[in-house]
C-alpha atoms as a PDB file:
ATOM      1  CA  MET A   1       0.000   0.000   0.000  1.00  0.00           C
ATOM      2  CA  THR A   2       1.110   3.583  -0.541  1.00  0.00           C
ATOM      3  CA  THR A   3       2.168   5.286   2.689  1.00  0.00           C
ATOM      4  CA  SER A   4       2.464   8.852   1.346  1.00  0.00           C
ATOM      5  CA  PRO A   5       0.606  10.834  -1.307  1.00  0.00           C
ATOM      6  CA  VAL A   6       1.271   9.602  -4.808  1.00  0.00           C
ATOM      7  CA  GLN A   7       3.164  12.008  -7.057  1.00  0.00           C
ATOM      8  CA  LEU A   8       1.421  13.008 -10.284  1.00  0.00           C
ATOM      9  CA  GLY A   9       3.217  14.204 -13.375  1.00  0.00           C
ATOM     10  CA  LEU A  10       3.396  14.583 -17.140  1.00  0.00           C
ATOM     11  CA  PHE A  11       4.623  12.164 -19.796  1.00  0.00           C
ATOM     12  CA  LEU A  12       6.384  13.600 -22.874  1.00  0.00           C
ATOM     13  CA  ASP A  13       7.057  12.103 -26.308  1.00  0.00           C
ATOM     14  CA  VAL A  14       7.192  15.437 -28.195  1.00  0.00           C
ATOM     15  CA  ARG A  15       5.637  14.261 -31.471  1.00  0.00           C
ATOM     16  CA  ASN A  16       5.299  16.489 -34.528  1.00  0.00           C
ATOM     17  CA  PRO A  17       3.148  14.646 -37.120  1.00  0.00           C
ATOM     18  CA  ALA A  18       3.191  15.923 -40.688  1.00  0.00           C
ATOM     19  CA  GLN A  19      -0.514  16.798 -40.736  1.00  0.00           C
ATOM     20  CA  TRP A  20      -0.138  19.100 -37.693  1.00  0.00           C
ATOM     21  CA  ARG A  21       3.543  19.963 -38.027  1.00  0.00           C
ATOM     22  CA  VAL A  22       5.051  23.125 -36.620  1.00  0.00           C
ATOM     23  CA  PRO A  23       8.725  24.174 -36.660  1.00  0.00           C
ATOM     24  CA  SER A  24      10.607  21.959 -34.228  1.00  0.00           C
ATOM     25  CA  ASP A  25      11.989  24.876 -32.225  1.00  0.00           C
ATOM     26  CA  GLN A  26       8.433  26.101 -31.660  1.00  0.00           C
ATOM     27  CA  LEU A  27       7.252  22.637 -30.630  1.00  0.00           C
ATOM     28  CA  LEU A  28      10.078  22.273 -28.115  1.00  0.00           C
ATOM     29  CA  ALA A  29       9.568  25.787 -26.754  1.00  0.00           C
ATOM     30  CA  ARG A  30       5.873  25.011 -26.332  1.00  0.00           C
ATOM     31  CA  THR A  31       6.748  21.742 -24.577  1.00  0.00           C
ATOM     32  CA  LEU A  32       8.910  23.574 -22.052  1.00  0.00           C
ATOM     33  CA  GLU A  33       6.144  26.144 -21.534  1.00  0.00           C
ATOM     34  CA  ILE A  34       3.717  23.309 -20.760  1.00  0.00           C
ATOM     35  CA  VAL A  35       6.175  21.825 -18.271  1.00  0.00           C
ATOM     36  CA  ALA A  36       6.693  25.173 -16.546  1.00  0.00           C
ATOM     37  CA  ARG A  37       2.932  25.754 -16.372  1.00  0.00           C
ATOM     38  CA  ALA A  38       2.351  22.291 -14.949  1.00  0.00           C
ATOM     39  CA  GLU A  39       4.984  22.903 -12.277  1.00  0.00           C
ATOM     40  CA  ALA A  40       3.336  26.213 -11.363  1.00  0.00           C
ATOM     41  CA  LEU A  41       0.010  24.388 -11.006  1.00  0.00           C
ATOM     42  CA  GLY A  42       1.533  21.780  -8.677  1.00  0.00           C
ATOM     43  CA  ALA A  43       2.754  18.927 -10.878  1.00  0.00           C
ATOM     44  CA  ASP A  44       5.190  16.672  -9.039  1.00  0.00           C
ATOM     45  CA  SER A  45       7.137  15.228 -11.961  1.00  0.00           C
ATOM     46  CA  VAL A  46       7.841  15.189 -15.693  1.00  0.00           C
ATOM     47  CA  TRP A  47       8.858  12.001 -17.516  1.00  0.00           C
ATOM     48  CA  ALA A  48      10.358  11.719 -20.997  1.00  0.00           C
ATOM     49  CA  THR A  49      10.168   8.591 -23.116  1.00  0.00           C
ATOM     50  CA  GLU A  50      12.136   7.380 -26.157  1.00  0.00           C
ATOM     51  CA  HIS A  51      11.830   5.971 -29.677  1.00  0.00           C
ATOM     52  CA  HIS A  52      13.923   6.223 -32.825  1.00  0.00           C
ATOM     53  CA  LEU A  53      13.172   6.402 -36.581  1.00  0.00           C
ATOM     54  CA  PHE A  54       9.560   7.518 -36.106  1.00  0.00           C
ATOM     55  CA  GLU A  55       8.576   9.883 -38.924  1.00  0.00           C
ATOM     56  CA  ASP A  56       6.763  12.224 -36.531  1.00  0.00           C
ATOM     57  CA  GLY A  57       9.953  13.146 -34.695  1.00  0.00           C
ATOM     58  CA  TYR A  58       9.255  11.100 -31.567  1.00  0.00           C
ATOM     59  CA  LEU A  59      11.667  12.114 -28.821  1.00  0.00           C
ATOM     60  CA  SER A  60      14.927  10.196 -29.228  1.00  0.00           C
ATOM     61  CA  GLN A  61      17.145  11.652 -26.487  1.00  0.00           C
ATOM     62  CA  PRO A  62      15.261  11.844 -23.161  1.00  0.00           C
ATOM     63  CA  LEU A  63      18.242  12.898 -21.051  1.00  0.00           C
ATOM     64  CA  THR A  64      18.950  15.829 -23.363  1.00  0.00           C
ATOM     65  CA  LEU A  65      15.378  17.041 -22.915  1.00  0.00           C
ATOM     66  CA  ALA A  66      15.677  16.330 -19.180  1.00  0.00           C
ATOM     67  CA  ALA A  67      18.594  18.771 -18.982  1.00  0.00           C
ATOM     68  CA  ALA A  68      16.491  21.452 -20.682  1.00  0.00           C
ATOM     69  CA  ILE A  69      13.620  20.770 -18.280  1.00  0.00           C
ATOM     70  CA  ALA A  70      16.023  21.010 -15.354  1.00  0.00           C
ATOM     71  CA  ALA A  71      17.106  24.456 -16.506  1.00  0.00           C
ATOM     72  CA  CYS A  72      13.552  25.849 -16.707  1.00  0.00           C
ATOM     73  CA  THR A  73      12.052  24.309 -13.563  1.00  0.00           C
ATOM     74  CA  ARG A  74      12.874  24.390  -9.869  1.00  0.00           C
ATOM     75  CA  ARG A  75      10.868  21.707  -8.118  1.00  0.00           C
ATOM     76  CA  VAL A  76       9.469  18.890 -10.283  1.00  0.00           C
ATOM     77  CA  ARG A  77      11.143  15.498 -10.350  1.00  0.00           C
ATOM     78  CA  ILE A  78      12.512  14.707 -13.821  1.00  0.00           C
ATOM     79  CA  GLY A  79      12.275  11.118 -14.992  1.00  0.00           C
ATOM     80  CA  THR A  80      13.076   8.932 -17.973  1.00  0.00           C
ATOM     81  CA  GLY A  81      10.256   6.542 -18.625  1.00  0.00           C
ATOM     82  CA  VAL A  82      12.169   4.936 -20.201  1.00  0.00           C
ATOM     83  CA  LEU A  83      15.662   5.261 -21.615  1.00  0.00           C
ATOM     84  CA  VAL A  84      16.303   2.265 -23.917  1.00  0.00           C
ATOM     85  CA  ALA A  85      19.285   0.752 -22.132  1.00  0.00           C
ATOM     86  CA  PRO A  86      20.553  -1.797 -24.720  1.00  0.00           C
ATOM     87  CA  LEU A  87      21.172   0.994 -27.236  1.00  0.00           C
ATOM     88  CA  ARG A  88      23.699   2.779 -25.008  1.00  0.00           C
ATOM     89  CA  HIS A  89      26.979   2.216 -23.221  1.00  0.00           C
ATOM     90  CA  PRO A  90      26.484   2.230 -19.426  1.00  0.00           C
ATOM     91  CA  ARG A  91      29.092   4.945 -18.936  1.00  0.00           C
ATOM     92  CA  HIS A  92      27.289   7.250 -21.370  1.00  0.00           C
ATOM     93  CA  ILE A  93      24.094   6.787 -19.367  1.00  0.00           C
ATOM     94  CA  ALA A  94      25.831   7.293 -16.025  1.00  0.00           C
ATOM     95  CA  GLU A  95      27.691  10.430 -17.099  1.00  0.00           C
ATOM     96  CA  GLN A  96      24.616  12.029 -18.661  1.00  0.00           C
ATOM     97  CA  ALA A  97      22.429  11.070 -15.701  1.00  0.00           C
ATOM     98  CA  ALA A  98      24.935  12.543 -13.251  1.00  0.00           C
ATOM     99  CA  LEU A  99      24.999  15.787 -15.221  1.00  0.00           C
ATOM    100  CA  VAL A 100      21.197  16.065 -15.307  1.00  0.00           C
ATOM    101  CA  ASP A 101      21.030  15.352 -11.583  1.00  0.00           C
ATOM    102  CA  ALA A 102      23.593  18.072 -10.897  1.00  0.00           C
ATOM    103  CA  VAL A 103      21.928  20.630 -13.185  1.00  0.00           C
ATOM    104  CA  SER A 104      18.542  19.934 -11.587  1.00  0.00           C
ATOM    105  CA  GLY A 105      19.818  20.107  -8.017  1.00  0.00           C
ATOM    106  CA  GLY A 106      19.097  16.429  -7.396  1.00  0.00           C
ATOM    107  CA  ARG A 107      15.756  15.822  -9.099  1.00  0.00           C
ATOM    108  CA  LEU A 108      16.463  12.947 -11.511  1.00  0.00           C
ATOM    109  CA  GLU A 109      14.514   9.674 -11.583  1.00  0.00           C
ATOM    110  CA  LEU A 110      16.428   7.346 -13.924  1.00  0.00           C
ATOM    111  CA  GLY A 111      14.201   4.779 -15.626  1.00  0.00           C
ATOM    112  CA  LEU A 112      15.712   2.193 -17.964  1.00  0.00           C
ATOM    113  CA  GLY A 113      13.908  -0.220 -20.259  1.00  0.00           C
ATOM    114  CA  ALA A 114      14.674  -2.995 -22.708  1.00  0.00           C
ATOM    115  CA  GLY A 115      13.052  -1.609 -25.866  1.00  0.00           C
ATOM    116  CA  TYR A 116      11.301  -3.833 -28.388  1.00  0.00           C
ATOM    117  CA  VAL A 117      11.443  -2.348 -31.912  1.00  0.00           C
ATOM    118  CA  ALA A 118      13.701  -4.370 -34.213  1.00  0.00           C
ATOM    119  CA  ALA A 119      14.497  -1.457 -36.530  1.00  0.00           C
ATOM    120  CA  GLU A 120      15.793   0.585 -33.622  1.00  0.00           C
ATOM    121  CA  PHE A 121      18.144  -2.186 -32.534  1.00  0.00           C
ATOM    122  CA  ALA A 122      19.364  -2.607 -36.103  1.00  0.00           C
ATOM    123  CA  ALA A 123      20.044   1.124 -36.394  1.00  0.00           C
ATOM    124  CA  PHE A 124      22.315   0.976 -33.340  1.00  0.00           C
ATOM    125  CA  GLY A 125      23.864  -2.402 -34.121  1.00  0.00           C
ATOM    126  CA  ALA A 126      22.375  -3.837 -30.931  1.00  0.00           C
ATOM    127  CA  ASP A 127      21.201  -7.408 -30.324  1.00  0.00           C
ATOM    128  CA  LEU A 128      17.432  -7.544 -29.900  1.00  0.00           C
ATOM    129  CA  GLY A 129      17.669 -11.122 -28.622  1.00  0.00           C
ATOM    130  CA  ARG A 130      19.722 -10.012 -25.606  1.00  0.00           C
ATOM    131  CA  ARG A 131      17.680  -6.945 -24.809  1.00  0.00           C
ATOM    132  CA  LEU A 132      16.511  -8.070 -21.365  1.00  0.00           C
ATOM    133  CA  ALA A 133      19.862  -9.455 -20.256  1.00  0.00           C
ATOM    134  CA  ARG A 134      21.592  -6.360 -21.592  1.00  0.00           C
ATOM    135  CA  THR A 135      19.172  -4.099 -19.711  1.00  0.00           C
ATOM    136  CA  ASP A 136      19.794  -5.940 -16.436  1.00  0.00           C
ATOM    137  CA  GLU A 137      23.553  -5.678 -16.973  1.00  0.00           C
ATOM    138  CA  THR A 138      23.352  -2.009 -17.876  1.00  0.00           C
ATOM    139  CA  PHE A 139      21.188  -1.204 -14.866  1.00  0.00           C
ATOM    140  CA  ALA A 140      23.691  -2.806 -12.502  1.00  0.00           C
ATOM    141  CA  GLU A 141      26.678  -1.127 -14.147  1.00  0.00           C
ATOM    142  CA  VAL A 142      25.069   2.332 -14.247  1.00  0.00           C
ATOM    143  CA  ARG A 143      24.216   2.035 -10.571  1.00  0.00           C
ATOM    144  CA  ARG A 144      27.790   0.997  -9.788  1.00  0.00           C
ATOM    145  CA  LEU A 145      29.265   3.866 -11.796  1.00  0.00           C
ATOM    146  CA  LEU A 146      26.998   6.432 -10.159  1.00  0.00           C
ATOM    147  CA  ASP A 147      27.867   5.097  -6.703  1.00  0.00           C
ATOM    148  CA  GLU A 148      31.569   4.396  -7.082  1.00  0.00           C
ATOM    149  CA  ALA A 149      33.249   5.896 -10.145  1.00  0.00           C
ATOM    150  CA  PRO A 150      34.102   9.355 -11.497  1.00  0.00           C
ATOM    151  CA  VAL A 151      31.304  10.339 -13.878  1.00  0.00           C
ATOM    152  CA  GLY A 152      32.164  13.957 -14.657  1.00  0.00           C
ATOM    153  CA  SER A 153      29.796  16.247 -12.791  1.00  0.00           C
ATOM    154  CA  ALA A 154      29.026  14.520  -9.506  1.00  0.00           C
ATOM    155  CA  PRO A 155      25.337  13.759  -8.944  1.00  0.00           C
ATOM    156  CA  VAL A 156      23.602  15.489  -6.050  1.00  0.00           C
ATOM    157  CA  GLN A 157      21.551  12.445  -5.041  1.00  0.00           C
ATOM    158  CA  ARG A 158      23.294   9.473  -3.483  1.00  0.00           C
ATOM    159  CA  PRO A 159      21.807   7.274  -4.787  1.00  0.00           C
ATOM    160  CA  ILE A 160      19.870   8.516  -7.785  1.00  0.00           C
ATOM    161  CA  PRO A 161      16.503   6.683  -7.764  1.00  0.00           C
ATOM    162  CA  MET A 162      16.573   4.044 -10.503  1.00  0.00           C
ATOM    163  CA  TRP A 163      13.713   2.206 -12.160  1.00  0.00           C
ATOM    164  CA  LEU A 164      13.140  -0.574 -14.672  1.00  0.00           C
ATOM    165  CA  GLY A 165      10.263  -0.422 -17.149  1.00  0.00           C
ATOM    166  CA  TYR A 166       9.393  -4.129 -17.069  1.00  0.00           C
ATOM    167  CA  GLN A 167       5.718  -4.781 -17.743  1.00  0.00           C
ATOM    168  CA  GLY A 168       4.865  -8.445 -17.189  1.00  0.00           C
ATOM    169  CA  PRO A 169       4.992 -10.569 -14.008  1.00  0.00           C
ATOM    170  CA  LYS A 170       7.980 -12.603 -15.213  1.00  0.00           C
ATOM    171  CA  ASN A 171      10.094  -9.555 -15.921  1.00  0.00           C
ATOM    172  CA  ALA A 172       8.949  -7.901 -12.695  1.00  0.00           C
ATOM    173  CA  GLN A 173      11.050 -10.539 -10.963  1.00  0.00           C
ATOM    174  CA  ARG A 174      14.108  -9.204 -12.774  1.00  0.00           C
ATOM    175  CA  ALA A 175      13.450  -5.746 -11.337  1.00  0.00           C
ATOM    176  CA  GLY A 176      12.998  -7.208  -7.871  1.00  0.00           C
ATOM    177  CA  ARG A 177      16.264  -9.122  -8.000  1.00  0.00           C
ATOM    178  CA  LEU A 178      18.068  -5.876  -8.810  1.00  0.00           C
ATOM    179  CA  GLY A 179      16.272  -3.806  -6.185  1.00  0.00           C
ATOM    180  CA  ALA A 180      14.915  -1.456  -8.841  1.00  0.00           C
ATOM    181  CA  GLY A 181      11.731   0.522  -8.768  1.00  0.00           C
ATOM    182  CA  LEU A 182       9.193  -1.003 -11.164  1.00  0.00           C
ATOM    183  CA  LEU A 183       7.632   1.227 -13.818  1.00  0.00           C
ATOM    184  CA  THR A 184       4.357  -0.568 -14.342  1.00  0.00           C
ATOM    185  CA  LEU A 185       0.890  -0.393 -12.812  1.00  0.00           C
ATOM    186  CA  ASN A 186       0.194  -4.015 -13.722  1.00  0.00           C
ATOM    187  CA  ARG A 187      -1.346  -5.634 -10.644  1.00  0.00           C
ATOM    188  CA  GLY A 188      -0.155  -9.057 -11.702  1.00  0.00           C
ATOM    189  CA  SER A 189       3.433  -7.859 -11.391  1.00  0.00           C
ATOM    190  CA  LEU A 190       3.253  -6.850  -7.736  1.00  0.00           C
ATOM    191  CA  GLU A 191       3.604 -10.181  -5.952  1.00  0.00           C
ATOM    192  CA  PRO A 192       6.368 -11.572  -8.236  1.00  0.00           C
ATOM    193  CA  TYR A 193       8.191  -8.262  -7.784  1.00  0.00           C
ATOM    194  CA  ARG A 194       7.848  -8.309  -4.002  1.00  0.00           C
ATOM    195  CA  ALA A 195       8.891 -11.948  -3.785  1.00  0.00           C
ATOM    196  CA  ALA A 196      12.014 -11.287  -5.847  1.00  0.00           C
ATOM    197  CA  LEU A 197      12.904  -8.254  -3.716  1.00  0.00           C
ATOM    198  CA  HIS A 198      12.591 -10.380  -0.581  1.00  0.00           C
ATOM    199  CA  ALA A 199      14.609 -13.257  -2.031  1.00  0.00           C
ATOM    200  CA  ALA A 200      17.388 -10.813  -2.977  1.00  0.00           C
ATOM    201  CA  GLY A 201      17.556  -9.451   0.568  1.00  0.00           C
ATOM    202  CA  PHE A 202      15.810  -6.124   0.018  1.00  0.00           C
ATOM    203  CA  PRO A 203      13.370  -4.847   2.672  1.00  0.00           C
ATOM    204  CA  ALA A 204       9.648  -4.713   2.037  1.00  0.00           C
ATOM    205  CA  SER A 205       9.910  -0.919   1.942  1.00  0.00           C
ATOM    206  CA  ALA A 206      12.003  -1.197  -1.244  1.00  0.00           C
ATOM    207  CA  ALA A 207       8.880  -2.032  -3.271  1.00  0.00           C
ATOM    208  CA  ARG A 208       7.916   1.001  -5.353  1.00  0.00           C
ATOM    209  CA  MET A 209       5.914   1.214  -8.523  1.00  0.00           C
ATOM    210  CA  GLY A 210       5.048   3.899 -11.037  1.00  0.00           C
ATOM    211  CA  GLY A 211       3.749   4.278 -14.542  1.00  0.00           C
ATOM    212  CA  ALA A 212       1.506   5.950 -17.068  1.00  0.00           C
ATOM    213  CA  ILE A 213      -2.262   6.213 -17.015  1.00  0.00           C
ATOM    214  CA  ASP A 214      -3.603   7.052 -20.458  1.00  0.00           C
ATOM    215  CA  LEU A 215      -6.130   9.786 -19.859  1.00  0.00           C
ATOM    216  CA  VAL A 216      -6.873  13.375 -20.836  1.00  0.00           C
ATOM    217  CA  VAL A 217      -9.096  15.570 -18.667  1.00  0.00           C
ATOM    218  CA  SER A 218     -11.781  17.812 -20.150  1.00  0.00           C
ATOM    219  CA  ARG A 219     -14.946  19.545 -19.015  1.00  0.00           C
ATOM    220  CA  ASP A 220     -16.637  18.364 -22.229  1.00  0.00           C
ATOM    221  CA  PRO A 221     -15.004  15.004 -22.903  1.00  0.00           C
ATOM    222  CA  GLU A 222     -17.296  13.943 -25.757  1.00  0.00           C
ATOM    223  CA  ALA A 223     -16.445  17.057 -27.767  1.00  0.00           C
ATOM    224  CA  ALA A 224     -12.780  16.853 -26.814  1.00  0.00           C
ATOM    225  CA  TRP A 225     -12.584  13.193 -27.854  1.00  0.00           C
ATOM    226  CA  GLU A 226     -13.841  13.966 -31.356  1.00  0.00           C
ATOM    227  CA  ARG A 227     -10.987  16.461 -31.766  1.00  0.00           C
ATOM    228  CA  ILE A 228      -8.366  14.242 -30.141  1.00  0.00           C
ATOM    229  CA  LYS A 229      -9.367  11.073 -32.030  1.00  0.00           C
ATOM    230  CA  PRO A 230      -7.362  11.734 -35.241  1.00  0.00           C
ATOM    231  CA  HIS A 231      -4.279  12.542 -33.167  1.00  0.00           C
ATOM    232  CA  TYR A 232      -4.722   9.372 -31.151  1.00  0.00           C
ATOM    233  CA  ALA A 233      -5.261   7.311 -34.308  1.00  0.00           C
ATOM    234  CA  HIS A 234      -1.927   8.619 -35.554  1.00  0.00           C
ATOM    235  CA  GLN A 235      -0.251   7.692 -32.265  1.00  0.00           C
ATOM    236  CA  VAL A 236      -1.646   4.166 -32.237  1.00  0.00           C
ATOM    237  CA  LEU A 237      -0.695   3.596 -35.891  1.00  0.00           C
ATOM    238  CA  THR A 238       2.921   4.544 -35.251  1.00  0.00           C
ATOM    239  CA  TYR A 239       3.201   1.815 -32.618  1.00  0.00           C
ATOM    240  CA  LEU A 240       1.468  -0.731 -34.828  1.00  0.00           C
ATOM    241  CA  ASN A 241       3.679   0.119 -37.797  1.00  0.00           C
ATOM    242  CA  ALA A 242       6.848  -0.095 -35.738  1.00  0.00           C
ATOM    243  CA  HIS A 243       6.170  -3.842 -35.720  1.00  0.00           C
ATOM    244  CA  ALA A 244       4.167  -4.376 -38.899  1.00  0.00           C
ATOM    245  CA  PRO A 245       4.387  -1.676 -41.595  1.00  0.00           C
ATOM    246  CA  GLY A 246       1.062  -1.104 -43.244  1.00  0.00           C
ATOM    247  CA  ALA A 247      -0.998  -2.149 -40.223  1.00  0.00           C
ATOM    248  CA  GLU A 248      -4.394  -0.520 -39.838  1.00  0.00           C
ATOM    249  CA  ILE A 249      -6.708   0.204 -36.938  1.00  0.00           C
ATOM    250  CA  PRO A 250      -9.849  -1.938 -37.125  1.00  0.00           C
ATOM    251  CA  ALA A 251     -13.135  -0.130 -37.673  1.00  0.00           C
ATOM    252  CA  GLY A 252     -14.772   0.888 -34.427  1.00  0.00           C
ATOM    253  CA  ALA A 253     -11.662   0.545 -32.277  1.00  0.00           C
ATOM    254  CA  LEU A 254     -11.651   4.273 -31.472  1.00  0.00           C
ATOM    255  CA  ASP A 255     -15.383   4.862 -31.229  1.00  0.00           C
ATOM    256  CA  SER A 256     -15.424   5.309 -27.444  1.00  0.00           C
ATOM    257  CA  ARG A 257     -13.827   8.005 -25.312  1.00  0.00           C
ATOM    258  CA  PHE A 258     -13.035   5.227 -22.832  1.00  0.00           C
ATOM    259  CA  GLY A 259     -10.006   3.031 -23.527  1.00  0.00           C
ATOM    260  CA  THR A 260     -10.761  -0.401 -24.925  1.00  0.00           C
ATOM    261  CA  GLY A 261      -7.606  -2.487 -24.396  1.00  0.00           C
ATOM    262  CA  ARG A 262      -5.010  -3.547 -26.959  1.00  0.00           C
ATOM    263  CA  LEU A 263      -4.600  -3.998 -30.694  1.00  0.00           C
ATOM    264  CA  GLY A 264      -1.704  -6.413 -30.966  1.00  0.00           C
ATOM    265  CA  VAL A 265       1.365  -4.593 -29.667  1.00  0.00           C
ATOM    266  CA  ALA A 266      -0.371  -1.218 -29.388  1.00  0.00           C
ATOM    267  CA  SER A 267      -2.300   0.009 -26.386  1.00  0.00           C
ATOM    268  CA  VAL A 268      -5.714   1.538 -27.109  1.00  0.00           C
ATOM    269  CA  ARG A 269      -6.333   2.727 -23.591  1.00  0.00           C
ATOM    270  CA  LEU A 270      -6.703   6.480 -23.835  1.00  0.00           C
ATOM    271  CA  SER A 271      -9.737   7.801 -22.012  1.00  0.00           C
ATOM    272  CA  VAL A 272     -10.980  11.385 -22.189  1.00  0.00           C
ATOM    273  CA  LEU A 273     -12.630  12.046 -18.848  1.00  0.00           C
ATOM    274  CA  THR A 274     -14.274  14.669 -16.681  1.00  0.00           C
ATOM    275  CA  PRO A 275     -12.366  15.627 -13.526  1.00  0.00           C
ATOM    276  CA  ASP A 276     -14.633  13.415 -11.398  1.00  0.00           C
ATOM    277  CA  GLU A 277     -14.144  10.461 -13.755  1.00  0.00           C
ATOM    278  CA  ALA A 278     -10.382  11.030 -13.790  1.00  0.00           C
ATOM    279  CA  VAL A 279     -10.146  11.021  -9.994  1.00  0.00           C
ATOM    280  CA  ALA A 280     -12.092   7.775  -9.826  1.00  0.00           C
ATOM    281  CA  GLU A 281      -9.994   6.134 -12.558  1.00  0.00           C
ATOM    282  CA  ILE A 282      -6.673   7.105 -10.991  1.00  0.00           C
ATOM    283  CA  ARG A 283      -7.788   5.886  -7.566  1.00  0.00           C
ATOM    284  CA  ARG A 284      -8.908   2.597  -9.102  1.00  0.00           C
ATOM    285  CA  ARG A 285      -5.634   2.069 -10.924  1.00  0.00           C
ATOM    286  CA  ILE A 286      -3.344   2.715  -7.958  1.00  0.00           C
ATOM    287  CA  ALA A 287      -5.360   1.325  -5.048  1.00  0.00           C
ATOM    288  CA  GLY A 288      -3.421  -1.296  -3.107  1.00  0.00           C
ATOM    289  CA  LEU A 289      -0.178  -0.801  -5.038  1.00  0.00           C
ATOM    290  CA  PRO A 290       3.043   0.731  -3.629  1.00  0.00           C
ATOM    291  CA  VAL A 291       2.769   3.559  -6.146  1.00  0.00           C
ATOM    292  CA  VAL A 292       5.160   6.497  -5.955  1.00  0.00           C
ATOM    293  CA  HIS A 293       4.624   8.089  -9.382  1.00  0.00           C
ATOM    294  CA  VAL A 294       1.840   8.208 -11.932  1.00  0.00           C
ATOM    295  CA  TYR A 295       2.040  10.321 -15.044  1.00  0.00           C
ATOM    296  CA  PHE A 296      -0.170  11.321 -17.942  1.00  0.00           C
ATOM    297  CA  TRP A 297       0.376  12.341 -21.562  1.00  0.00           C
ATOM    298  CA  ALA A 298       0.971  16.069 -21.845  1.00  0.00           C
ATOM    299  CA  SER A 299      -0.335  15.955 -25.413  1.00  0.00           C
ATOM    300  CA  ILE A 300      -1.524  13.349 -27.871  1.00  0.00           C
ATOM    301  CA  ALA A 301       0.467  13.736 -31.120  1.00  0.00           C
ATOM    302  CA  ASN A 302       0.520  17.541 -31.016  1.00  0.00           C
ATOM    303  CA  MET A 303      -3.215  17.819 -30.347  1.00  0.00           C
ATOM    304  CA  PRO A 304      -4.850  21.292 -30.293  1.00  0.00           C
ATOM    305  CA  ALA A 305      -3.270  23.704 -27.814  1.00  0.00           C
ATOM    306  CA  ASP A 306      -6.552  24.659 -26.132  1.00  0.00           C
ATOM    307  CA  LEU A 307      -7.203  20.995 -25.280  1.00  0.00           C
ATOM    308  CA  VAL A 308      -3.684  20.627 -23.872  1.00  0.00           C
ATOM    309  CA  ASP A 309      -4.103  23.763 -21.769  1.00  0.00           C
ATOM    310  CA  GLU A 310      -7.467  22.622 -20.398  1.00  0.00           C
ATOM    311  CA  HIS A 311      -6.060  19.157 -19.654  1.00  0.00           C
ATOM    312  CA  ILE A 312      -3.096  20.577 -17.712  1.00  0.00           C
ATOM    313  CA  GLU A 313      -5.252  23.062 -15.801  1.00  0.00           C
ATOM    314  CA  LEU A 314      -7.796  20.435 -14.759  1.00  0.00           C
ATOM    315  CA  LEU A 315      -5.268  17.674 -14.099  1.00  0.00           C
ATOM    316  CA  PHE A 316      -3.122  19.642 -11.695  1.00  0.00           C
ATOM    317  CA  GLY A 317      -5.638  22.237 -10.533  1.00  0.00           C
ATOM    318  CA  GLU A 318      -8.510  19.873  -9.688  1.00  0.00           C
ATOM    319  CA  VAL A 319      -7.691  16.187 -10.133  1.00  0.00           C
ATOM    320  CA  ALA A 320      -4.242  15.893  -8.548  1.00  0.00           C
ATOM    321  CA  PRO A 321      -5.128  17.555  -5.204  1.00  0.00           C
ATOM    322  CA  ARG A 322      -8.086  15.224  -4.791  1.00  0.00           C
ATOM    323  CA  VAL A 323      -6.038  12.117  -5.601  1.00  0.00           C
ATOM    324  CA  ARG A 324      -3.246  13.143  -3.196  1.00  0.00           C
ATOM    325  CA  SER A 325      -5.718  13.742  -0.384  1.00  0.00           C
ATOM    326  CA  ALA A 326      -7.406  10.357  -0.798  1.00  0.00           C
ATOM    327  CA  GLY A 327      -4.895   8.535   1.423  1.00  0.00           C
ATOM    328  CA  ILE A 328      -4.756   5.504  -0.846  1.00  0.00           C
END
């Protein structure tokens, strides 16, 4: 169970699809404005994710963006959710993470993941078949470097909080064996994770979970959903096509403003909700879990600015205070 208020934040992928494209400098400036506004409204964290080769300019260097966020904020935690570990040398990760932690005054949350897109691994000359083993090895080595070795600018936090983005129950055991935080809200992962922590000699208090909840908040969710739907269709298609070029979304899959599940490898879970509905959904998703962080898309594939602004205002002005006060 959570013993302190859960921290609520934003999730960034910084997409710029062709049909809604703006100059990249404007998109990034707008992203930093959104982050600063969210912090002013009480957001606890900002998390940046990673993909490569996506035609819409999907964020490829989360720690670079994290440094920019550190420079324009003062309080929010800054996370990677996740950095694709097998594509990088552990020392590169450790040195960049230490620098971001120093620039931010000790606000980094370092999340690593295994990745899954074959084309990305091919582009970096990495072995997709060893992605999980390589992620475990990289996690352990990055932690060692941050704790023991010169890494350029010394980190402020000792230790920097580290996480693994392992989704299923089997892989949750890997996170437990390493004493990592677990970036998933999958209930089926909790007991395997806790058991592995215990078997590895970590205390029960070491169990900590976090992750994304796919929702946007609006006072008129039906109208907002109709405007968001083409942006979300684009987002879902990019994930589908990362595995199977030419894939299509089945008819009716995006008819509801409430998420419906999965289409193969792609999640179709975005819900557009009123503030009351959002509070209830967040409470449902985190109840009974040792959740530290939950975060929400800042924007869906560069969706209209007025919808983003309303979402941020409602999420951190109305929803987040109510969730924090619930004592879950």
